[in-house]
């Protein structure tokens, strides 16, 4: 009986030891379960953050693609503007050359006009001298030749008219 009691006490002590280990394991299990829940919550939070970051990354990629398209469009527009500028520059150069030619021609015309004006002045002076001479001759012969007087007046009118015409033409 004492042997059985000792075995019973030993079994009871072993049972108490096992119960303590079971309680300890149950507490450890509960602790691990709480840690698992915390880790799952953190994992969900990290997953949400990753999804947010991925969405931002996707938006950034779309925006970057838009910017690349805009850059391509801008580069095309710059090329078009450069081509237009080259055409305009060519037209400007042609216009400058034409202006130089016209200016040169105008200078020639001015020189020719000055020479023509000088010749006209000479012709006018000669005409006025001839008219003066005719007037003098006419005054000498006024009483003798009334028709000469008429011729002189006509010549005077013709000479003055030619002088004015040429003077107006040159101016």
N, C-alpha and C. Protein backbone atom coordinates (compact mmCIF):
# COMPACT_ATOMS: atom_id res chain seq x y z
N UNK A 1 0.82 -1.15 0.00
CA UNK A 1 0.00 0.00 0.00
C UNK A 1 0.88 1.23 0.00
N UNK A 2 1.91 1.30 0.70
CA UNK A 2 2.82 2.43 0.73
C UNK A 2 3.47 2.60 -0.62
N UNK A 3 3.73 1.54 -1.27
CA UNK A 3 4.32 1.58 -2.59
C UNK A 3 3.34 2.17 -3.57
N UNK A 4 2.11 1.79 -3.45
CA UNK A 4 1.08 2.33 -4.34
C UNK A 4 0.88 3.80 -4.06
N UNK A 5 0.92 4.14 -2.76
CA UNK A 5 0.76 5.55 -2.40
C UNK A 5 1.91 6.36 -2.97
N UNK A 6 3.12 5.82 -2.91
CA UNK A 6 4.28 6.51 -3.45
C UNK A 6 4.14 6.66 -4.97
N UNK A 7 3.65 5.61 -5.60
CA UNK A 7 3.45 5.70 -7.05
C UNK A 7 2.36 6.70 -7.38
N UNK A 8 1.31 6.70 -6.53
CA UNK A 8 0.22 7.64 -6.74
C UNK A 8 0.73 9.06 -6.55
N UNK A 9 1.52 9.26 -5.48
CA UNK A 9 2.07 10.61 -5.24
C UNK A 9 2.99 11.01 -6.39
N UNK A 10 3.76 10.03 -6.83
CA UNK A 10 4.68 10.31 -7.94
C UNK A 10 3.88 10.61 -9.20
N UNK A 11 2.81 9.88 -9.46
CA UNK A 11 1.99 10.10 -10.63
C UNK A 11 1.29 11.44 -10.51
N UNK A 12 0.84 11.78 -9.28
CA UNK A 12 0.17 13.05 -9.05
C UNK A 12 1.16 14.20 -9.30
N UNK A 13 2.39 14.01 -8.79
CA UNK A 13 3.42 15.04 -9.00
C UNK A 13 3.73 15.14 -10.49
N UNK A 14 3.82 13.99 -11.17
CA UNK A 14 4.10 14.00 -12.61
C UNK A 14 2.94 14.68 -13.34
N UNK A 15 1.69 14.34 -12.85
CA UNK A 15 0.51 14.96 -13.48
C UNK A 15 0.54 16.46 -13.26
N UNK A 16 0.88 16.93 -12.06
CA UNK A 16 0.95 18.36 -11.75
C UNK A 16 2.02 19.01 -12.60
N UNK A 17 3.13 18.29 -12.77
CA UNK A 17 4.23 18.80 -13.60
C UNK A 17 3.77 18.91 -15.04
N UNK A 18 3.07 17.86 -15.51
CA UNK A 18 2.56 17.88 -16.88
C UNK A 18 1.51 18.99 -17.05
N UNK A 19 0.66 19.15 -16.01
CA UNK A 19 -0.36 20.20 -16.07
C UNK A 19 0.32 21.57 -16.14
N UNK A 20 1.39 21.73 -15.36
CA UNK A 20 2.12 23.02 -15.39
C UNK A 20 2.72 23.22 -16.76
N UNK A 21 3.29 22.14 -17.33
CA UNK A 21 3.86 22.26 -18.68
C UNK A 21 2.77 22.55 -19.70
N UNK A 22 1.58 21.91 -19.51
CA UNK A 22 0.45 22.13 -20.40
C UNK A 22 -0.02 23.59 -20.28
N UNK A 23 -0.11 24.08 -19.05
CA UNK A 23 -0.52 25.48 -18.84
C UNK A 23 0.50 26.43 -19.48
N UNK A 24 1.76 26.09 -19.28
CA UNK A 24 2.84 26.90 -19.86
C UNK A 24 2.77 26.86 -21.38
N UNK A 25 2.54 25.68 -21.95
CA UNK A 25 2.44 25.54 -23.40
C UNK A 25 1.21 26.28 -23.91
N UNK A 26 0.08 26.19 -23.12
CA UNK A 26 -1.15 26.88 -23.51
C UNK A 26 -0.92 28.40 -23.49
N UNK A 27 -0.22 28.88 -22.48
CA UNK A 27 0.09 30.31 -22.40
C UNK A 27 1.01 30.72 -23.55
N UNK A 28 2.00 29.86 -23.84
CA UNK A 28 2.91 30.14 -24.95
C UNK A 28 2.14 30.14 -26.26
N UNK A 29 1.19 29.16 -26.35
CA UNK A 29 0.37 29.09 -27.57
C UNK A 29 -0.47 30.36 -27.72
N UNK A 30 -1.07 30.81 -26.63
CA UNK A 30 -1.89 32.03 -26.66
C UNK A 30 -1.02 33.24 -27.03
N UNK A 31 0.19 33.26 -26.46
CA UNK A 31 1.12 34.34 -26.77
C UNK A 31 1.50 34.30 -28.25
N UNK A 32 1.78 33.09 -28.75
CA UNK A 32 2.12 32.94 -30.18
C UNK A 32 0.92 33.30 -31.06
N UNK A 33 -0.28 32.93 -30.59
CA UNK A 33 -1.50 33.27 -31.34
C UNK A 33 -1.65 34.78 -31.40
N UNK A 34 -1.39 35.47 -30.30
CA UNK A 34 -1.48 36.94 -30.28
C UNK A 34 -0.41 37.54 -31.19
N UNK A 35 0.79 36.96 -31.16
CA UNK A 35 1.86 37.44 -32.04
C UNK A 35 1.50 37.21 -33.51
N UNK A 36 0.87 36.08 -33.79
CA UNK A 36 0.45 35.76 -35.14
C UNK A 36 -0.58 36.77 -35.63
N UNK A 37 -1.54 37.10 -34.77
CA UNK A 37 -2.56 38.10 -35.14
C UNK A 37 -1.89 39.44 -35.40
N UNK A 38 -0.96 39.84 -34.53
CA UNK A 38 -0.24 41.09 -34.70
C UNK A 38 0.55 41.09 -36.01
N UNK A 39 1.21 39.95 -36.28
CA UNK A 39 2.00 39.83 -37.52
C UNK A 39 1.07 39.89 -38.73
N UNK A 40 -0.11 39.24 -38.65
CA UNK A 40 -1.06 39.29 -39.77
C UNK A 40 -1.57 40.72 -39.99
N UNK A 41 -1.84 41.42 -38.88
CA UNK A 41 -2.28 42.82 -39.01
C UNK A 41 -1.17 43.67 -39.65
N UNK A 42 0.06 43.45 -39.19
CA UNK A 42 1.19 44.19 -39.77
C UNK A 42 1.36 43.83 -41.25
N UNK A 43 1.17 42.54 -41.56
CA UNK A 43 1.28 42.10 -42.93
C UNK A 43 0.20 42.75 -43.80
N UNK A 44 -1.03 42.85 -43.27
CA UNK A 44 -2.10 43.52 -44.00
C UNK A 44 -1.76 45.00 -44.20
N UNK A 45 -1.24 45.62 -43.14
CA UNK A 45 -0.86 47.03 -43.22
C UNK A 45 0.24 47.23 -44.26
N UNK A 46 1.24 46.35 -44.23
CA UNK A 46 2.33 46.42 -45.20
C UNK A 46 1.79 46.19 -46.61
N UNK A 47 0.85 45.26 -46.75
CA UNK A 47 0.26 44.98 -48.05
C UNK A 47 -0.50 46.20 -48.57
N UNK A 48 -1.24 46.88 -47.68
CA UNK A 48 -1.95 48.10 -48.06
C UNK A 48 -0.94 49.17 -48.50
N UNK A 49 0.12 49.33 -47.73
CA UNK A 49 1.15 50.32 -48.08
C UNK A 49 1.80 49.97 -49.42
N UNK A 50 2.05 48.65 -49.61
CA UNK A 50 2.64 48.22 -50.87
C UNK A 50 1.70 48.52 -52.03
N UNK A 51 0.40 48.29 -51.83
CA UNK A 51 -0.59 48.56 -52.86
C UNK A 51 -0.64 50.07 -53.15
N UNK A 52 -0.57 50.87 -52.08
CA UNK A 52 -0.57 52.34 -52.26
C UNK A 52 0.68 52.77 -53.03
N UNK A 53 1.83 52.23 -52.60
CA UNK A 53 3.08 52.57 -53.29
C UNK A 53 3.02 52.12 -54.75
N UNK A 54 2.47 50.93 -54.99
CA UNK A 54 2.35 50.43 -56.36
C UNK A 54 1.43 51.33 -57.18
N UNK A 55 0.33 51.79 -56.55
CA UNK A 55 -0.59 52.69 -57.26
C UNK A 55 0.13 53.99 -57.61
N UNK A 56 0.89 54.53 -56.63
CA UNK A 56 1.66 55.76 -56.90
C UNK A 56 2.69 55.52 -58.00
N UNK A 57 3.32 54.36 -57.93
CA UNK A 57 4.31 54.02 -58.95
C UNK A 57 3.65 53.93 -60.33
N UNK A 58 2.49 53.28 -60.37
CA UNK A 58 1.75 53.19 -61.64
C UNK A 58 1.37 54.58 -62.15
N UNK A 59 0.88 55.43 -61.22
CA UNK A 59 0.54 56.81 -61.61
C UNK A 59 1.77 57.54 -62.11
N UNK A 60 2.89 57.34 -61.42
CA UNK A 60 4.14 57.99 -61.84
C UNK A 60 4.55 57.50 -63.22
N UNK A 61 4.39 56.20 -63.46
CA UNK A 61 4.74 55.66 -64.78
C UNK A 61 3.85 56.26 -65.86
N UNK A 62 2.55 56.36 -65.56
CA UNK A 62 1.62 56.96 -66.53
C UNK A 62 2.00 58.41 -66.77
N UNK A 63 2.27 59.14 -65.67
CA UNK A 63 2.66 60.55 -65.80
C UNK A 63 3.96 60.69 -66.59
N UNK A 64 4.91 59.80 -66.31
CA UNK A 64 6.18 59.85 -67.03
C UNK A 64 5.96 59.57 -68.52
N UNK A 65 5.08 58.61 -68.82
CA UNK A 65 4.77 58.33 -70.23
C UNK A 65 4.12 59.54 -70.89
N UNK A 66 3.22 60.20 -70.15
CA UNK A 66 2.60 61.43 -70.68
C UNK A 66 3.66 62.48 -70.93
N UNK A 67 4.57 62.63 -69.97
CA UNK A 67 5.64 63.62 -70.13
C UNK A 67 6.53 63.28 -71.31
N UNK A 68 6.80 61.99 -71.52
CA UNK A 68 7.61 61.59 -72.68
C UNK A 68 6.87 61.94 -73.97
N UNK A 69 5.55 61.68 -73.99
CA UNK A 69 4.77 62.03 -75.17
C UNK A 69 4.78 63.54 -75.40
N UNK A 70 4.60 64.29 -74.31
CA UNK A 70 4.63 65.75 -74.43
C UNK A 70 6.00 66.22 -74.89
N UNK A 71 7.05 65.60 -74.37
CA UNK A 71 8.40 65.95 -74.79
C UNK A 71 8.60 65.65 -76.27
N UNK A 72 8.10 64.49 -76.71
CA UNK A 72 8.19 64.16 -78.13
C UNK A 72 7.44 65.18 -78.98
N UNK A 73 6.24 65.55 -78.52
CA UNK A 73 5.46 66.55 -79.25
C UNK A 73 6.20 67.89 -79.29
N UNK A 74 6.78 68.27 -78.15
CA UNK A 74 7.53 69.53 -78.10
C UNK A 74 8.74 69.48 -79.02
N UNK A 75 9.42 68.34 -79.04
CA UNK A 75 10.58 68.21 -79.93
C UNK A 75 10.15 68.31 -81.39
N UNK A 76 9.02 67.70 -81.73
CA UNK A 76 8.51 67.81 -83.10
C UNK A 76 8.19 69.27 -83.43
N UNK A 77 7.55 69.97 -82.47
CA UNK A 77 7.20 71.38 -82.69
C UNK A 77 8.45 72.23 -82.85
N UNK A 78 9.49 71.93 -82.06
CA UNK A 78 10.75 72.66 -82.17
C UNK A 78 11.35 72.44 -83.56
N UNK A 79 11.30 71.20 -84.04
CA UNK A 79 11.83 70.92 -85.38
C UNK A 79 11.03 71.68 -86.44
N UNK A 80 9.69 71.70 -86.29
CA UNK A 80 8.86 72.44 -87.24
C UNK A 80 9.22 73.92 -87.21
N UNK A 81 9.37 74.46 -86.01
CA UNK A 81 9.71 75.88 -85.89
C UNK A 81 11.09 76.18 -86.47
N UNK A 82 12.03 75.25 -86.30
CA UNK A 82 13.36 75.44 -86.88
C UNK A 82 13.28 75.43 -88.40
N UNK A 83 12.46 74.54 -88.95
CA UNK A 83 12.29 74.50 -90.40
C UNK A 83 11.64 75.79 -90.90
N UNK A 84 10.60 76.23 -90.17
CA UNK A 84 9.94 77.48 -90.56
C UNK A 84 10.92 78.64 -90.46
N UNK A 85 11.75 78.65 -89.43
CA UNK A 85 12.73 79.71 -89.25
C UNK A 85 13.72 79.71 -90.42
N UNK A 86 14.14 78.51 -90.83
CA UNK A 86 15.08 78.42 -91.96
C UNK A 86 14.44 78.97 -93.24
N UNK A 87 13.17 78.65 -93.44
CA UNK A 87 12.46 79.16 -94.63
C UNK A 87 12.36 80.67 -94.56
N UNK A 88 11.98 81.19 -93.40
CA UNK A 88 11.84 82.64 -93.23
C UNK A 88 13.20 83.32 -93.40
N UNK A 89 14.25 82.70 -92.84
CA UNK A 89 15.60 83.27 -92.98
C UNK A 89 16.00 83.32 -94.46
N UNK A 90 15.67 82.25 -95.20
CA UNK A 90 15.96 82.22 -96.63
C UNK A 90 15.21 83.33 -97.35
N UNK A 91 13.92 83.49 -97.00
CA UNK A 91 13.13 84.56 -97.61
C UNK A 91 13.70 85.93 -97.25
N UNK A 92 14.14 86.07 -96.00
CA UNK A 92 14.73 87.33 -95.56
C UNK A 92 16.01 87.63 -96.33
N UNK A 93 16.84 86.60 -96.51
CA UNK A 93 18.08 86.79 -97.28
C UNK A 93 17.77 87.19 -98.72
N UNK A 94 16.76 86.52 -99.30
CA UNK A 94 16.35 86.88 -100.68
C UNK A 94 15.85 88.32 -100.73
N UNK A 95 15.05 88.68 -99.73
CA UNK A 95 14.51 90.05 -99.70
C UNK A 95 15.63 91.06 -99.54
N UNK A 96 16.62 90.73 -98.72
CA UNK A 96 17.76 91.64 -98.54
C UNK A 96 18.51 91.81 -99.87
N UNK A 97 18.69 90.70 -100.57
CA UNK A 97 19.39 90.77 -101.87
C UNK A 97 18.57 91.60 -102.86
N UNK A 98 17.25 91.38 -102.89
CA UNK A 98 16.40 92.17 -103.77
C UNK A 98 16.44 93.64 -103.39
N UNK A 99 16.41 93.92 -102.07
CA UNK A 99 16.47 95.31 -101.62
C UNK A 99 17.78 95.96 -102.03
N UNK A 100 18.88 95.22 -101.91
CA UNK A 100 20.18 95.76 -102.33
C UNK A 100 20.17 96.06 -103.83
N UNK A 101 19.58 95.15 -104.61
CA UNK A 101 19.51 95.37 -106.06
C UNK A 101 18.64 96.59 -106.38
N UNK A 102 17.50 96.70 -105.71
CA UNK A 102 16.61 97.85 -105.94
C UNK A 102 17.28 99.14 -105.50
N UNK A 103 17.98 99.10 -104.37
CA UNK A 103 18.70 100.29 -103.89
C UNK A 103 19.77 100.70 -104.88
N UNK A 104 20.50 99.73 -105.40
CA UNK A 104 21.52 100.02 -106.39
C UNK A 104 20.90 100.64 -107.65
N UNK A 105 19.78 100.04 -108.09
CA UNK A 105 19.10 100.56 -109.27
C UNK A 105 18.59 101.98 -109.01
N UNK A 106 18.08 102.21 -107.79
CA UNK A 106 17.59 103.54 -107.43
C UNK A 106 18.73 104.55 -107.44
N UNK A 107 19.89 104.17 -106.94
CA UNK A 107 21.05 105.06 -106.97
C UNK A 107 21.44 105.40 -108.42
N UNK A 108 21.40 104.38 -109.28
CA UNK A 108 21.70 104.63 -110.70
C UNK A 108 20.69 105.61 -111.28
N UNK A 109 19.40 105.38 -110.94
CA UNK A 109 18.36 106.27 -111.45
C UNK A 109 18.54 107.69 -110.92
N UNK A 110 18.96 107.81 -109.65
CA UNK A 110 19.21 109.15 -109.10
C UNK A 110 20.34 109.84 -109.86
N UNK A 111 21.40 109.08 -110.12
CA UNK A 111 22.53 109.64 -110.88
C UNK A 111 22.08 110.04 -112.27
N UNK A 112 21.35 109.13 -112.93
CA UNK A 112 20.84 109.43 -114.26
C UNK A 112 19.88 110.62 -114.21
N UNK A 113 19.05 110.67 -113.17
CA UNK A 113 18.11 111.79 -113.00
C UNK A 113 18.84 113.10 -112.81
N UNK A 114 19.93 113.06 -112.00
CA UNK A 114 20.70 114.29 -111.80
C UNK A 114 21.34 114.73 -113.11
N UNK A 115 21.85 113.77 -113.88
CA UNK A 115 22.45 114.11 -115.17
C UNK A 115 21.38 114.66 -116.11
N UNK A 116 20.21 114.03 -116.11
CA UNK A 116 19.12 114.50 -116.96
C UNK A 116 18.66 115.88 -116.52
N UNK A 117 18.58 116.10 -115.19
CA UNK A 117 18.19 117.42 -114.69
C UNK A 117 19.21 118.47 -115.12
N UNK A 118 20.48 118.09 -115.07
CA UNK A 118 21.53 119.02 -115.51
C UNK A 118 21.37 119.34 -116.99
N UNK A 119 21.11 118.32 -117.78
CA UNK A 119 20.89 118.52 -119.21
C UNK A 119 19.66 119.38 -119.45
N UNK A 120 18.60 119.13 -118.67
CA UNK A 120 17.38 119.92 -118.82
C UNK A 120 17.64 121.38 -118.45
N UNK A 121 18.40 121.57 -117.39
CA UNK A 121 18.75 122.95 -117.02
C UNK A 121 19.50 123.63 -118.16
N UNK A 122 20.41 122.86 -118.76
CA UNK A 122 21.18 123.39 -119.89
C UNK A 122 20.24 123.74 -121.04
N UNK A 123 19.33 122.78 -121.37
CA UNK A 123 18.38 123.01 -122.45
C UNK A 123 17.48 124.19 -122.12
N UNK A 124 17.06 124.28 -120.86
CA UNK A 124 16.21 125.38 -120.44
C UNK A 124 16.94 126.71 -120.59
N UNK A 125 18.21 126.71 -120.14
CA UNK A 125 19.01 127.94 -120.27
C UNK A 125 19.18 128.32 -121.73
N UNK A 126 19.47 127.30 -122.55
CA UNK A 126 19.62 127.58 -123.99
C UNK A 126 18.31 128.10 -124.57
N UNK A 127 17.18 127.47 -124.14
CA UNK A 127 15.86 127.92 -124.61
C UNK A 127 15.57 129.34 -124.17
N UNK A 128 15.89 129.65 -122.90
CA UNK A 128 15.66 131.00 -122.40
C UNK A 128 16.55 132.00 -123.14
N UNK A 129 17.79 131.58 -123.42
CA UNK A 129 18.69 132.47 -124.18
C UNK A 129 18.14 132.70 -125.58
N UNK A 130 17.66 131.63 -126.18
CA UNK A 130 17.08 131.76 -127.53
C UNK A 130 15.86 132.65 -127.49
N UNK A 131 15.04 132.47 -126.46
CA UNK A 131 13.84 133.30 -126.33
C UNK A 131 14.24 134.75 -126.13
N UNK A 132 15.23 134.97 -125.26
CA UNK A 132 15.70 136.35 -125.03
C UNK A 132 16.21 136.94 -126.33
N UNK A 133 16.99 136.15 -127.05
CA UNK A 133 17.51 136.64 -128.33
C UNK A 133 16.37 136.95 -129.28
N UNK A 134 15.38 136.05 -129.33
CA UNK A 134 14.24 136.29 -130.20
C UNK A 134 13.47 137.52 -129.76
N UNK A 135 13.36 137.69 -128.43
CA UNK A 135 12.65 138.89 -127.95
C UNK A 135 13.41 140.17 -128.35
N UNK A 136 14.74 140.10 -128.22
CA UNK A 136 15.55 141.26 -128.62
C UNK A 136 15.37 141.54 -130.11
N UNK A 137 15.47 140.48 -130.91
CA UNK A 137 15.29 140.66 -132.35
C UNK A 137 13.89 141.14 -132.65
N UNK A 138 12.95 140.62 -131.89
CA UNK A 138 11.57 141.02 -132.10
C UNK A 138 11.36 142.48 -131.75
N UNK A 139 11.99 142.94 -130.65
CA UNK A 139 11.83 144.35 -130.31
C UNK A 139 12.45 145.24 -131.37
N UNK A 140 13.56 144.78 -131.98
CA UNK A 140 14.19 145.57 -133.03
C UNK A 140 13.30 145.65 -134.26
N UNK A 141 12.62 144.56 -134.51
CA UNK A 141 11.84 144.51 -135.75
C UNK A 141 10.34 144.57 -135.48
N UNK A 142 9.96 145.06 -134.35
CA UNK A 142 8.56 145.04 -133.95
C UNK A 142 7.69 145.84 -134.91
N UNK A 143 8.14 146.94 -135.24
CA UNK A 143 7.32 147.77 -136.11
C UNK A 143 7.28 147.24 -137.52
N UNK A 144 8.31 146.51 -137.91
CA UNK A 144 8.39 146.05 -139.30
C UNK A 144 7.71 144.70 -139.48
N UNK A 145 7.76 143.80 -138.48
CA UNK A 145 7.25 142.44 -138.71
C UNK A 145 6.33 142.00 -137.57
N UNK A 146 5.04 142.22 -137.70
CA UNK A 146 4.13 141.81 -136.62
C UNK A 146 4.04 140.29 -136.48
N UNK A 147 4.27 139.55 -137.53
CA UNK A 147 4.21 138.09 -137.42
C UNK A 147 5.38 137.52 -136.63
N UNK A 148 6.52 138.21 -136.70
CA UNK A 148 7.68 137.74 -135.93
C UNK A 148 7.38 137.78 -134.44
N UNK A 149 6.65 138.75 -134.08
CA UNK A 149 6.27 138.88 -132.68
C UNK A 149 5.44 137.66 -132.25
N UNK A 150 4.51 137.28 -133.07
CA UNK A 150 3.67 136.13 -132.79
C UNK A 150 4.51 134.85 -132.69
N UNK A 151 5.46 134.68 -133.59
CA UNK A 151 6.34 133.50 -133.57
C UNK A 151 7.14 133.46 -132.27
N UNK A 152 7.64 134.62 -131.85
CA UNK A 152 8.44 134.67 -130.63
C UNK A 152 7.59 134.28 -129.42
N UNK A 153 6.37 134.77 -129.39
CA UNK A 153 5.49 134.44 -128.25
C UNK A 153 5.20 132.95 -128.25
N UNK A 154 4.94 132.40 -129.42
CA UNK A 154 4.68 130.96 -129.52
C UNK A 154 5.92 130.17 -129.09
N UNK A 155 7.11 130.60 -129.56
CA UNK A 155 8.35 129.93 -129.19
C UNK A 155 8.57 130.01 -127.68
N UNK A 156 8.27 131.19 -127.11
CA UNK A 156 8.40 131.38 -125.67
C UNK A 156 7.48 130.43 -124.92
N UNK A 157 6.25 130.36 -125.39
CA UNK A 157 5.29 129.46 -124.74
C UNK A 157 5.74 128.00 -124.87
N UNK A 158 6.21 127.63 -126.05
CA UNK A 158 6.66 126.24 -126.26
C UNK A 158 7.86 125.94 -125.38
N UNK A 159 8.82 126.84 -125.34
CA UNK A 159 10.03 126.62 -124.52
C UNK A 159 9.70 126.53 -123.05
N UNK A 160 8.83 127.42 -122.57
CA UNK A 160 8.44 127.39 -121.16
C UNK A 160 7.69 126.10 -120.83
N UNK A 161 6.79 125.72 -121.75
CA UNK A 161 6.02 124.50 -121.53
C UNK A 161 6.95 123.29 -121.49
N UNK A 162 7.90 123.22 -122.41
CA UNK A 162 8.87 122.10 -122.41
C UNK A 162 9.70 122.12 -121.13
N UNK A 163 10.13 123.29 -120.70
CA UNK A 163 10.92 123.41 -119.48
C UNK A 163 10.13 122.95 -118.26
N UNK A 164 8.88 123.40 -118.16
CA UNK A 164 8.07 122.99 -117.02
C UNK A 164 7.78 121.50 -117.06
N UNK A 165 7.48 121.00 -118.24
CA UNK A 165 7.20 119.57 -118.38
C UNK A 165 8.40 118.74 -117.93
N UNK A 166 9.58 119.10 -118.43
CA UNK A 166 10.78 118.33 -118.06
C UNK A 166 11.11 118.50 -116.59
N UNK A 167 10.92 119.69 -116.06
CA UNK A 167 11.18 119.94 -114.64
C UNK A 167 10.23 119.10 -113.79
N UNK A 168 8.92 119.07 -114.12
CA UNK A 168 7.95 118.26 -113.38
C UNK A 168 8.26 116.77 -113.53
N UNK A 169 8.68 116.36 -114.73
CA UNK A 169 8.99 114.95 -114.98
C UNK A 169 10.14 114.48 -114.10
N UNK A 170 11.18 115.31 -113.97
CA UNK A 170 12.35 114.92 -113.18
C UNK A 170 12.07 114.96 -111.69
N UNK A 171 11.25 115.84 -111.27
CA UNK A 171 10.94 115.94 -109.84
C UNK A 171 9.97 114.86 -109.48
